[in-house]
Amino acid sequence: MLLKASQIEVMDDAMVEVLRAKTPAERLAIADGMWRSARRIIRFKVQADNPSWPDERVDQETARRLSHGAVGTA
């Protein structure tokens, strides 16, 4: 399978079939799990980089990063 210069990844045909067999609710649950995982990873990194920050500030920075800056910090 050849990639276009603008392509980041290619979905394996077997995985496409697995995902097509899922119900919309199952696909949404998978996406939710991925979102929660990303949030957890980012939050742990922000907390590790800024150990003196209170939880509220860590949460604000996590939200800012997840939203690509659309969510501002107080």
N, C-alpha and C. Protein backbone atom coordinates (compact mmCIF):
# COMPACT_ATOMS: atom_id res chain seq x y z
N MET A 1 0.84 -1.18 0.00
CA MET A 1 0.00 0.00 0.00
C MET A 1 0.89 1.24 0.00
N LEU A 2 0.75 2.09 -0.99
CA LEU A 2 1.54 3.30 -1.08
C LEU A 2 0.83 4.45 -0.37
N LEU A 3 1.61 5.26 0.32
CA LEU A 3 1.08 6.43 1.00
C LEU A 3 1.24 7.66 0.14
N LYS A 4 0.24 8.52 0.19
CA LYS A 4 0.37 9.84 -0.42
C LYS A 4 1.19 10.70 0.53
N ALA A 5 1.82 11.72 0.01
CA ALA A 5 2.64 12.61 0.86
C ALA A 5 1.82 13.23 1.98
N SER A 6 0.53 13.46 1.74
CA SER A 6 -0.31 14.10 2.75
C SER A 6 -0.92 13.10 3.74
N GLN A 7 -0.74 11.80 3.49
CA GLN A 7 -1.32 10.78 4.36
C GLN A 7 -0.43 10.52 5.57
N ILE A 8 -1.05 10.41 6.71
CA ILE A 8 -0.32 10.13 7.94
C ILE A 8 -0.29 8.63 8.20
N GLU A 9 -1.39 7.96 7.99
CA GLU A 9 -1.47 6.53 8.24
C GLU A 9 -2.47 5.89 7.31
N VAL A 10 -2.39 4.59 7.22
CA VAL A 10 -3.31 3.83 6.39
C VAL A 10 -3.97 2.79 7.28
N MET A 11 -5.27 2.68 7.18
CA MET A 11 -6.01 1.69 7.95
C MET A 11 -5.87 0.34 7.27
N ASP A 12 -5.48 -0.65 8.05
CA ASP A 12 -5.37 -2.02 7.55
C ASP A 12 -6.76 -2.52 7.14
N ASP A 13 -6.84 -3.24 6.03
CA ASP A 13 -8.14 -3.73 5.54
C ASP A 13 -8.86 -4.58 6.58
N ALA A 14 -8.13 -5.41 7.31
CA ALA A 14 -8.75 -6.25 8.34
C ALA A 14 -9.36 -5.38 9.45
N MET A 15 -8.67 -4.31 9.83
CA MET A 15 -9.19 -3.43 10.88
C MET A 15 -10.40 -2.67 10.37
N VAL A 16 -10.42 -2.30 9.11
CA VAL A 16 -11.59 -1.64 8.52
C VAL A 16 -12.81 -2.54 8.67
N GLU A 17 -12.65 -3.82 8.38
CA GLU A 17 -13.77 -4.75 8.50
C GLU A 17 -14.23 -4.90 9.94
N VAL A 18 -13.29 -4.95 10.87
CA VAL A 18 -13.64 -5.05 12.29
C VAL A 18 -14.47 -3.83 12.71
N LEU A 19 -14.02 -2.65 12.32
CA LEU A 19 -14.73 -1.43 12.71
C LEU A 19 -16.08 -1.31 12.02
N ARG A 20 -16.17 -1.76 10.78
CA ARG A 20 -17.45 -1.72 10.07
C ARG A 20 -18.49 -2.63 10.73
N ALA A 21 -18.03 -3.70 11.36
CA ALA A 21 -18.93 -4.64 12.01
C ALA A 21 -19.45 -4.10 13.35
N LYS A 22 -18.83 -3.06 13.87
CA LYS A 22 -19.25 -2.48 15.15
C LYS A 22 -20.50 -1.63 14.96
N THR A 23 -21.30 -1.59 16.01
CA THR A 23 -22.47 -0.71 15.99
C THR A 23 -22.00 0.73 16.21
N PRO A 24 -22.83 1.71 15.88
CA PRO A 24 -22.44 3.09 16.16
C PRO A 24 -22.10 3.30 17.64
N ALA A 25 -22.85 2.67 18.53
CA ALA A 25 -22.58 2.81 19.96
C ALA A 25 -21.21 2.24 20.33
N GLU A 26 -20.86 1.12 19.72
CA GLU A 26 -19.54 0.52 19.98
C GLU A 26 -18.42 1.40 19.46
N ARG A 27 -18.61 1.99 18.28
CA ARG A 27 -17.58 2.88 17.73
C ARG A 27 -17.44 4.14 18.59
N LEU A 28 -18.57 4.63 19.08
CA LEU A 28 -18.53 5.79 19.96
C LEU A 28 -17.81 5.46 21.27
N ALA A 29 -18.04 4.27 21.80
CA ALA A 29 -17.37 3.85 23.04
C ALA A 29 -15.85 3.75 22.81
N ILE A 30 -15.45 3.27 21.64
CA ILE A 30 -14.02 3.19 21.32
C ILE A 30 -13.42 4.60 21.26
N ALA A 31 -14.11 5.51 20.59
CA ALA A 31 -13.63 6.89 20.49
C ALA A 31 -13.55 7.54 21.87
N ASP A 32 -14.53 7.29 22.71
CA ASP A 32 -14.53 7.83 24.07
C ASP A 32 -13.33 7.31 24.86
N GLY A 33 -13.05 6.02 24.72
CA GLY A 33 -11.90 5.45 25.40
C GLY A 33 -10.59 6.07 24.94
N MET A 34 -10.50 6.31 23.64
CA MET A 34 -9.28 6.94 23.09
C MET A 34 -9.14 8.37 23.62
N TRP A 35 -10.26 9.10 23.70
CA TRP A 35 -10.24 10.47 24.22
C TRP A 35 -9.80 10.47 25.68
N ARG A 36 -10.38 9.58 26.48
CA ARG A 36 -10.02 9.51 27.90
C ARG A 36 -8.54 9.15 28.08
N SER A 37 -8.05 8.26 27.25
CA SER A 37 -6.65 7.87 27.32
C SER A 37 -5.74 9.05 26.97
N ALA A 38 -6.07 9.76 25.92
CA ALA A 38 -5.28 10.93 25.52
C ALA A 38 -5.29 11.98 26.63
N ARG A 39 -6.45 12.20 27.22
CA ARG A 39 -6.55 13.18 28.30
C ARG A 39 -5.68 12.78 29.49
N ARG A 40 -5.72 11.51 29.84
CA ARG A 40 -4.93 11.01 30.96
C ARG A 40 -3.43 11.19 30.69
N ILE A 41 -3.00 10.84 29.50
CA ILE A 41 -1.57 10.96 29.15
C ILE A 41 -1.13 12.42 29.20
N ILE A 42 -1.93 13.31 28.61
CA ILE A 42 -1.58 14.74 28.61
C ILE A 42 -1.58 15.29 30.03
N ARG A 43 -2.57 14.90 30.82
CA ARG A 43 -2.65 15.39 32.20
C ARG A 43 -1.44 14.96 33.01
N PHE A 44 -1.04 13.69 32.88
CA PHE A 44 0.14 13.20 33.60
C PHE A 44 1.39 13.97 33.18
N LYS A 45 1.52 14.27 31.90
CA LYS A 45 2.69 15.03 31.41
C LYS A 45 2.69 16.45 31.96
N VAL A 46 1.54 17.11 31.91
CA VAL A 46 1.44 18.48 32.44
C VAL A 46 1.78 18.47 33.94
N GLN A 47 1.25 17.50 34.65
CA GLN A 47 1.49 17.42 36.10
C GLN A 47 2.96 17.14 36.38
N ALA A 48 3.59 16.27 35.60
CA ALA A 48 5.01 15.96 35.80
C ALA A 48 5.89 17.17 35.50
N ASP A 49 5.52 17.94 34.49
CA ASP A 49 6.30 19.12 34.13
C ASP A 49 6.09 20.29 35.08
N ASN A 50 4.97 20.27 35.81
CA ASN A 50 4.61 21.40 36.69
C ASN A 50 4.14 20.87 38.04
N PRO A 51 5.02 20.25 38.81
CA PRO A 51 4.60 19.61 40.06
C PRO A 51 4.02 20.56 41.11
N SER A 52 4.32 21.84 41.00
CA SER A 52 3.81 22.80 41.98
C SER A 52 2.41 23.32 41.65
N TRP A 53 1.91 23.02 40.46
CA TRP A 53 0.59 23.51 40.06
C TRP A 53 -0.50 22.77 40.81
N PRO A 54 -1.56 23.50 41.22
CA PRO A 54 -2.72 22.82 41.81
C PRO A 54 -3.49 22.05 40.72
N ASP A 55 -4.30 21.10 41.15
CA ASP A 55 -5.06 20.27 40.21
C ASP A 55 -5.89 21.10 39.24
N GLU A 56 -6.48 22.18 39.71
CA GLU A 56 -7.31 23.02 38.84
C GLU A 56 -6.50 23.58 37.68
N ARG A 57 -5.28 24.03 37.96
CA ARG A 57 -4.42 24.59 36.90
C ARG A 57 -3.99 23.49 35.93
N VAL A 58 -3.68 22.31 36.45
CA VAL A 58 -3.31 21.18 35.59
C VAL A 58 -4.48 20.84 34.67
N ASP A 59 -5.69 20.82 35.22
CA ASP A 59 -6.88 20.53 34.41
C ASP A 59 -7.09 21.59 33.33
N GLN A 60 -6.88 22.85 33.67
CA GLN A 60 -7.04 23.93 32.69
C GLN A 60 -6.04 23.79 31.55
N GLU A 61 -4.80 23.49 31.89
CA GLU A 61 -3.77 23.34 30.85
C GLU A 61 -4.04 22.10 30.00
N THR A 62 -4.51 21.05 30.62
CA THR A 62 -4.87 19.84 29.88
C THR A 62 -5.98 20.15 28.88
N ALA A 63 -7.00 20.86 29.32
CA ALA A 63 -8.11 21.24 28.43
C ALA A 63 -7.62 22.13 27.30
N ARG A 64 -6.72 23.06 27.61
CA ARG A 64 -6.18 23.95 26.59
C ARG A 64 -5.44 23.15 25.51
N ARG A 65 -4.64 22.19 25.94
CA ARG A 65 -3.88 21.39 24.98
C ARG A 65 -4.78 20.49 24.16
N LEU A 66 -5.77 19.89 24.79
CA LEU A 66 -6.68 19.02 24.06
C LEU A 66 -7.52 19.79 23.03
N SER A 67 -7.79 21.04 23.34
CA SER A 67 -8.62 21.85 22.44
C SER A 67 -7.79 22.68 21.46
N HIS A 68 -6.48 22.46 21.45
CA HIS A 68 -5.57 23.21 20.59
C HIS A 68 -5.69 24.71 20.84
N GLY A 69 -5.91 25.08 22.10
CA GLY A 69 -5.96 26.47 22.48
C GLY A 69 -7.35 27.10 22.46
N ALA A 70 -8.35 26.37 22.02
CA ALA A 70 -9.71 26.92 21.97
C ALA A 70 -10.26 27.16 23.37
N VAL A 71 -9.82 26.35 24.33
CA VAL A 71 -10.20 26.53 25.73
C VAL A 71 -9.07 27.29 26.38
N GLY A 72 -9.35 28.50 26.83
CA GLY A 72 -8.30 29.31 27.46
C GLY A 72 -8.07 28.93 28.90
N THR A 73 -7.02 29.47 29.46
CA THR A 73 -6.74 29.25 30.87
C THR A 73 -7.12 30.50 31.64
N ALA A 74 -7.47 30.29 32.89
CA ALA A 74 -7.91 31.42 33.73
C ALA A 74 -6.73 32.24 34.19
